[in-house]
Amino acid sequence: MKNTLETRLGVFFTLALIVLVILIEMAGGLDIFRRGYRLHALFDSVHELKVGDLVKMAGKPVGKVSEIDWADQKVRVTMKITDRQAAIRTDSQAAVRFLGLMGQNFVAISFGTPTAPRVDPDMDTELATVEQADLNALMTRLDGVASSVENMTRSVSPDNFGNLLGPFTEFFKTHKDRIGNIIANFETTSAQIAGGTGTVGRLLHEDTLYESALAAITNLTETAAEIKTTVAQARTVVDQVRQGQGTLGRLTQEDGLYQETAQAATHLREILQKINQGQGSVGKLVNDEALYRNARLTLQKLDRASESLEDQGPLSVLGIAASALF
């Protein structure tokens, strides 16, 4: 091949094109030439997120971060979504996640609910966000916990440990006999319980208590069933009364009986008024004093007649009766 000017220019432009492609890839890839739509999200902290970092959905890349700007007291992240098949919903949430411990971050977008509408590619949609815990703050807290544990382990020396257990050791030495008796009594009691002696042992080993409790529960169950039946019967009676069935139902529901009762009460009141006024036979008997005097005189005559009969003999009585007859 001839080393001409055209050849050198061709090689130069080829190398320049390769370098340009590499620079474009480093600056954000070839996605700038791909069609897509934009999404926005507001974060309190982006945790070292950079322009060109990936945007993923269920772990699959769907775009890249195109801009990071200030928005009042928050940070506005603009994402370019190039995967139009990704089903991003209007209620999907964005969160800054850690890809590794070396500061590699990405934006994760959740699926959202299936019933929510999909994001319109022709509109700039802003997604809700979920704030992640700050890794530096977590590491600082872990460092503080580790320091506290280290200080605690340093403070616990053999001398301090001995001083801590000293009062307990003296207590056990002073009350050694009493503690031994308590342990022996406990062993005796546990042996009695295991052997079925004593009140607790009999309660645990004999079936009498179980049978009594079972009988009591059975009786309670039967009583509850009877009460339930009685309540059901009472409800039936109440329903019948409300429907006007039976004697009590007719008494409470029919107006004719009420009217008859009211009319009878009216008649009774009129009769009592007539009696009080001395009208009729009963009224005269109750209110006429002459009748009372006549009845009294009659009773007096009968009394005198009975006395005269007692003075006379049986034959005289028979004679008086015969003369009265003949």
Protein backbone atom coordinates (compact mmCIF):
# COMPACT_ATOMS: atom_id res chain seq x y z
CA MET A 1 0.00 0.00 0.00
CA LYS A 2 1.36 3.38 -0.93
CA ASN A 3 2.10 5.81 1.86
CA THR A 4 0.20 8.65 0.28
CA LEU A 5 -1.57 11.60 1.82
CA GLU A 6 -4.95 10.02 1.22
CA THR A 7 -3.90 6.88 3.05
CA ARG A 8 -2.60 8.80 6.04
CA LEU A 9 -5.81 10.89 6.18
CA GLY A 10 -7.93 7.72 6.04
CA VAL A 11 -6.02 6.11 8.88
CA PHE A 12 -6.27 9.34 10.90
CA PHE A 13 -10.04 9.65 10.46
CA THR A 14 -10.51 5.96 11.28
CA LEU A 15 -8.56 6.33 14.53
CA ALA A 16 -10.43 9.55 15.33
CA LEU A 17 -13.76 7.79 14.79
CA ILE A 18 -12.72 4.93 17.08
CA VAL A 19 -11.63 7.41 19.77
CA LEU A 20 -14.92 9.31 19.36
CA VAL A 21 -16.95 6.12 19.82
CA ILE A 22 -14.92 5.27 22.95
CA LEU A 23 -15.46 8.77 24.36
CA ILE A 24 -19.20 8.58 23.67
CA GLU A 25 -19.40 5.21 25.41
CA MET A 26 -17.51 6.56 28.42
CA ALA A 27 -19.68 9.68 28.53
CA GLY A 28 -22.94 7.74 28.68
CA GLY A 29 -22.94 5.16 26.02
CA LEU A 30 -24.61 5.14 22.71
CA ASP A 31 -27.96 5.67 24.38
CA ILE A 32 -27.87 9.31 23.37
CA PHE A 33 -28.62 8.12 19.84
CA ARG A 34 -31.46 5.85 20.98
CA ARG A 35 -35.02 7.06 21.32
CA GLY A 36 -36.54 7.08 24.77
CA TYR A 37 -38.62 9.08 27.23
CA ARG A 38 -37.80 10.85 30.45
CA LEU A 39 -38.81 10.19 34.03
CA HIS A 40 -38.11 12.33 37.08
CA ALA A 41 -37.74 11.59 40.78
CA LEU A 42 -37.02 13.80 43.82
CA PHE A 43 -34.66 12.43 46.51
CA ASP A 44 -33.45 13.75 49.83
CA SER A 45 -30.04 12.19 49.04
CA VAL A 46 -28.76 10.46 45.91
CA HIS A 47 -25.86 8.70 47.73
CA GLU A 48 -23.08 9.50 45.24
CA LEU A 49 -25.29 8.77 42.22
CA LYS A 50 -23.74 10.04 38.96
CA VAL A 51 -24.91 10.89 35.50
CA GLY A 52 -24.66 7.79 33.32
CA ASP A 53 -25.48 5.34 36.14
CA LEU A 54 -27.92 2.59 35.22
CA VAL A 55 -31.66 2.60 35.78
CA LYS A 56 -32.93 -0.92 36.44
CA MET A 57 -36.26 -2.60 36.81
CA ALA A 58 -36.25 -6.04 38.46
CA GLY A 59 -32.48 -6.09 37.90
CA LYS A 60 -32.77 -5.48 34.15
CA PRO A 61 -31.31 -2.22 32.73
CA VAL A 62 -34.02 -0.06 31.20
CA GLY A 63 -32.16 3.25 30.90
CA LYS A 64 -29.59 5.59 32.43
CA VAL A 65 -29.44 8.69 34.59
CA SER A 66 -29.27 11.71 32.31
CA GLU A 67 -29.37 14.68 34.72
CA ILE A 68 -28.98 15.44 38.43
CA ASP A 69 -30.12 18.92 39.49
CA TRP A 70 -31.22 20.80 42.60
CA ALA A 71 -34.94 21.25 43.27
CA ASP A 72 -35.61 23.36 46.39
CA GLN A 73 -34.58 21.19 49.35
CA LYS A 74 -34.30 18.00 47.27
CA VAL A 75 -32.29 16.55 44.41
CA ARG A 76 -34.06 16.04 41.09
CA VAL A 77 -32.88 12.99 39.13
CA THR A 78 -33.84 12.76 35.46
CA MET A 79 -33.75 9.31 33.87
CA LYS A 80 -33.87 8.43 30.21
CA ILE A 81 -35.80 5.20 29.67
CA THR A 82 -34.77 3.51 26.42
CA ASP A 83 -36.53 0.17 26.95
CA ARG A 84 -40.07 0.92 25.84
CA GLN A 85 -41.23 -2.60 26.71
CA ALA A 86 -40.63 -1.96 30.40
CA ALA A 87 -44.05 -1.78 32.10
CA ILE A 88 -43.47 1.26 34.32
CA ARG A 89 -46.70 2.26 36.09
CA THR A 90 -47.74 5.65 37.40
CA ASP A 91 -47.52 4.33 40.98
CA SER A 92 -44.07 2.77 40.50
CA GLN A 93 -41.44 3.93 42.99
CA ALA A 94 -37.81 4.86 42.42
CA ALA A 95 -35.00 4.22 44.91
CA VAL A 96 -31.22 4.63 44.87
CA ARG A 97 -29.64 1.23 45.47
CA PHE A 98 -26.06 0.05 45.99
CA LEU A 99 -24.57 -2.22 43.37
CA GLY A 100 -21.55 -2.95 45.53
CA LEU A 101 -19.46 -1.62 48.39
CA MET A 102 -17.29 0.45 46.03
CA GLY A 103 -19.78 3.26 45.56
CA GLN A 104 -21.47 1.84 42.47
CA ASN A 105 -25.09 3.03 42.60
CA PHE A 106 -28.10 2.72 40.36
CA VAL A 107 -31.76 3.72 40.35
CA ALA A 108 -34.19 0.86 40.93
CA ILE A 109 -37.80 1.21 39.75
CA SER A 110 -40.53 -1.03 41.15
CA PHE A 111 -43.29 -2.60 39.06
CA GLY A 112 -46.23 -0.88 40.76
CA THR A 113 -49.75 -2.28 40.79
CA PRO A 114 -51.00 -4.07 37.65
CA THR A 115 -54.23 -2.05 37.63
CA ALA A 116 -52.44 1.31 37.52
CA PRO A 117 -52.00 2.91 34.07
CA ARG A 118 -48.64 2.83 32.37
CA VAL A 119 -46.47 5.94 32.14
CA ASP A 120 -47.16 8.05 29.07
CA PRO A 121 -43.87 8.36 27.09
CA ASP A 122 -44.98 11.70 25.67
CA MET A 123 -45.20 13.34 29.12
CA ASP A 124 -42.57 14.04 31.76
CA THR A 125 -43.74 11.88 34.64
CA GLU A 126 -42.45 12.21 38.20
CA LEU A 127 -42.27 8.96 40.19
CA ALA A 128 -42.64 8.57 43.91
CA THR A 129 -39.39 7.77 45.73
CA VAL A 130 -38.23 5.52 48.56
CA GLU A 131 -35.29 6.78 50.59
CA GLN A 132 -32.57 4.29 51.40
CA ALA A 133 -30.50 4.24 54.57
CA ASP A 134 -27.19 6.06 54.37
CA LEU A 135 -24.38 3.51 54.27
CA ASN A 136 -21.93 5.94 55.85
CA ALA A 137 -24.32 6.55 58.76
CA LEU A 138 -24.75 2.80 59.23
CA MET A 139 -21.00 2.28 59.23
CA THR A 140 -20.61 5.11 61.76
CA ARG A 141 -23.17 3.51 64.04
CA LEU A 142 -21.52 0.11 63.72
CA ASP A 143 -18.19 1.73 64.53
CA GLY A 144 -19.73 3.28 67.66
CA VAL A 145 -21.21 -0.05 68.74
CA ALA A 146 -17.88 -1.78 68.22
CA SER A 147 -16.11 0.88 70.28
CA SER A 148 -18.66 0.47 73.09
CA VAL A 149 -18.21 -3.31 73.10
CA GLU A 150 -14.44 -2.90 73.12
CA ASN A 151 -14.59 -0.48 76.07
CA MET A 152 -16.89 -2.86 77.92
CA THR A 153 -14.55 -5.81 77.42
CA ARG A 154 -11.62 -3.71 78.61
CA SER A 155 -13.46 -2.66 81.76
CA VAL A 156 -14.19 -6.28 82.70
CA SER A 157 -10.84 -7.40 84.12
CA PRO A 158 -10.24 -10.41 86.43
CA ASP A 159 -10.10 -8.09 89.46
CA ASN A 160 -13.34 -6.33 88.54
CA PHE A 161 -15.01 -9.67 87.86
CA GLY A 162 -13.93 -10.93 91.26
CA ASN A 163 -15.25 -7.79 92.95
CA LEU A 164 -18.53 -8.24 91.11
CA LEU A 165 -18.97 -11.84 92.28
CA GLY A 166 -17.63 -11.16 95.78
CA PRO A 167 -21.01 -10.36 97.46
CA PHE A 168 -22.61 -13.45 95.95
CA THR A 169 -19.77 -15.64 97.17
CA GLU A 170 -20.03 -14.27 100.71
CA PHE A 171 -23.81 -14.78 100.68
CA PHE A 172 -23.49 -18.43 99.66
CA LYS A 173 -20.81 -19.03 102.29
CA THR A 174 -22.92 -17.44 105.06
CA HIS A 175 -26.17 -19.24 104.20
CA LYS A 176 -24.70 -22.49 102.98
CA ASP A 177 -26.67 -24.68 105.40
CA ARG A 178 -29.99 -22.97 104.72
CA ILE A 179 -29.50 -23.20 100.98
CA GLY A 180 -28.66 -26.90 101.35
CA ASN A 181 -31.85 -27.48 103.37
CA ILE A 182 -33.92 -25.63 100.80
CA ILE A 183 -32.49 -27.77 98.00
CA ALA A 184 -33.11 -30.96 100.04
CA ASN A 185 -36.72 -29.92 100.74
CA PHE A 186 -37.23 -29.15 97.10
CA GLU A 187 -35.90 -32.58 96.14
CA THR A 188 -38.23 -34.25 98.69
CA THR A 189 -41.23 -32.30 97.43
CA SER A 190 -40.46 -33.10 93.80
CA ALA A 191 -40.09 -36.79 94.70
CA GLN A 192 -43.50 -36.75 96.43
CA ILE A 193 -45.10 -35.06 93.45
CA ALA A 194 -43.51 -37.58 91.10
CA GLY A 195 -44.72 -40.44 93.35
CA GLY A 196 -48.29 -39.15 93.42
CA THR A 197 -48.38 -38.37 97.15
CA GLY A 198 -49.67 -35.20 98.71
CA THR A 199 -52.27 -32.83 97.33
CA VAL A 200 -50.31 -31.71 94.29
CA GLY A 201 -49.16 -35.26 93.53
CA ARG A 202 -52.72 -36.59 93.69
CA LEU A 203 -53.94 -33.77 91.49
CA LEU A 204 -51.34 -34.64 88.89
CA HIS A 205 -51.63 -38.43 88.98
CA GLU A 206 -55.21 -39.33 89.94
CA ASP A 207 -58.01 -39.30 87.41
CA THR A 208 -60.66 -38.21 89.93
CA LEU A 209 -60.03 -34.51 89.42
CA TYR A 210 -60.03 -34.96 85.65
CA GLU A 211 -63.30 -36.90 85.75
CA SER A 212 -64.89 -34.32 88.07
CA ALA A 213 -63.79 -31.47 85.85
CA LEU A 214 -65.02 -33.35 82.76
CA ALA A 215 -68.40 -34.00 84.45
CA ALA A 216 -68.67 -30.33 85.43
CA ILE A 217 -67.89 -29.23 81.90
CA THR A 218 -70.43 -31.74 80.54
CA ASN A 219 -73.09 -30.40 82.92
CA LEU A 220 -72.27 -26.86 81.90
CA THR A 221 -72.57 -27.85 78.26
CA GLU A 222 -75.94 -29.50 78.85
CA THR A 223 -77.13 -26.50 80.85
CA ALA A 224 -76.02 -24.16 78.10
CA ALA A 225 -77.89 -26.30 75.57
CA GLU A 226 -81.03 -26.19 77.73
CA ILE A 227 -80.71 -22.43 78.14
CA LYS A 228 -80.31 -22.09 74.41
CA THR A 229 -83.43 -24.20 73.83
CA THR A 230 -85.38 -22.14 76.41
CA VAL A 231 -84.30 -18.90 74.76
CA ALA A 232 -85.35 -20.27 71.38
CA GLN A 233 -88.76 -21.24 72.79
CA ALA A 234 -89.12 -17.83 74.40
CA ARG A 235 -88.31 -16.20 71.08
CA THR A 236 -90.95 -18.39 69.41
CA VAL A 237 -93.56 -17.35 72.00
CA VAL A 238 -92.65 -13.69 71.57
CA ASP A 239 -92.93 -14.02 67.80
CA GLN A 240 -96.35 -15.67 68.17
CA VAL A 241 -97.49 -12.90 70.51
CA ARG A 242 -96.29 -10.27 68.05
CA GLN A 243 -98.16 -12.06 65.24
CA GLY A 244 -101.34 -12.20 67.33
CA GLN A 245 -101.35 -15.99 67.68
CA GLY A 246 -102.71 -17.75 70.79
CA THR A 247 -104.65 -16.30 73.70
CA LEU A 248 -101.93 -13.91 74.82
CA GLY A 249 -101.30 -12.80 71.25
CA ARG A 250 -104.98 -12.07 70.68
CA LEU A 251 -105.14 -10.25 74.01
CA THR A 252 -102.23 -7.99 73.05
CA GLN A 253 -102.93 -7.53 69.35
CA GLU A 254 -106.72 -7.54 68.80
CA ASP A 255 -108.55 -4.25 69.29
CA GLY A 256 -111.95 -5.91 69.77
CA LEU A 257 -110.97 -7.40 73.12
CA TYR A 258 -109.61 -4.05 74.24
CA GLN A 259 -112.85 -2.35 73.27
CA GLU A 260 -114.93 -5.02 75.03
CA THR A 261 -112.80 -4.68 78.16
CA ALA A 262 -113.13 -0.91 78.07
CA GLN A 263 -116.90 -1.21 77.57
CA ALA A 264 -117.17 -3.70 80.47
CA ALA A 265 -115.20 -1.35 82.69
CA THR A 266 -117.56 1.47 81.69
CA HIS A 267 -120.63 -0.66 82.54
CA LEU A 268 -119.08 -1.69 85.86
CA ARG A 269 -118.41 1.95 86.68
CA GLU A 270 -122.03 2.85 85.86
CA ILE A 271 -123.32 -0.02 88.06
CA LEU A 272 -121.16 1.11 90.97
CA GLN A 273 -122.38 4.66 90.51
CA LYS A 274 -126.02 3.46 90.61
CA ILE A 275 -125.29 1.40 93.72
CA ASN A 276 -123.73 4.43 95.40
CA GLN A 277 -126.77 6.49 94.41
CA GLY A 278 -129.15 3.87 95.88
CA GLN A 279 -130.69 2.84 92.57
CA GLY A 280 -131.85 -0.71 91.97
CA SER A 281 -132.24 -3.59 94.44
CA VAL A 282 -128.57 -3.75 95.38
CA GLY A 283 -128.43 0.02 95.70
CA LYS A 284 -131.43 -0.01 98.02
CA LEU A 285 -129.92 -2.87 100.04
CA VAL A 286 -126.72 -0.93 100.44
CA ASN A 287 -128.11 2.57 100.98
CA ASP A 288 -131.66 2.16 102.51
CA GLU A 289 -131.43 2.35 106.33
CA ALA A 290 -135.08 1.21 106.77
CA LEU A 291 -134.25 -2.14 105.24
CA TYR A 292 -131.34 -2.42 107.62
CA ARG A 293 -133.65 -1.69 110.61
CA ASN A 294 -136.28 -4.19 109.42
CA ALA A 295 -133.66 -6.88 109.00
CA ARG A 296 -132.39 -6.17 112.50
CA LEU A 297 -135.87 -6.39 114.00
CA THR A 298 -136.48 -9.67 112.19
CA LEU A 299 -133.31 -11.12 113.58
CA GLN A 300 -134.30 -10.01 117.07
CA LYS A 301 -137.73 -11.71 116.75
CA LEU A 302 -136.10 -14.90 115.55
CA ASP A 303 -133.80 -14.78 118.54
CA ARG A 304 -136.72 -14.43 120.97
CA ALA A 305 -138.63 -17.20 119.24
CA SER A 306 -135.70 -19.57 119.51
CA GLU A 307 -135.39 -18.79 123.21
CA SER A 308 -139.12 -19.54 123.80
CA LEU A 309 -138.76 -22.82 121.94
CA GLU A 310 -135.87 -23.80 124.17
CA ASP A 311 -138.07 -23.20 127.26
CA GLN A 312 -140.87 -25.47 126.02
CA GLY A 313 -140.52 -29.22 125.71
CA PRO A 314 -140.43 -31.33 122.55
CA LEU A 315 -144.12 -32.28 122.90
CA SER A 316 -145.19 -28.69 123.13
CA VAL A 317 -143.18 -27.93 120.04
CA LEU A 318 -144.86 -30.82 118.22
CA GLY A 319 -148.28 -29.62 119.43
CA ILE A 320 -147.63 -26.11 118.19
CA ALA A 321 -146.45 -27.49 114.87
CA ALA A 322 -149.55 -29.81 114.59
CA SER A 323 -151.91 -27.00 115.44
CA ALA A 324 -150.21 -24.88 112.86
CA LEU A 325 -150.69 -27.59 110.31
CA PHE A 326 -154.31 -28.57 111.19
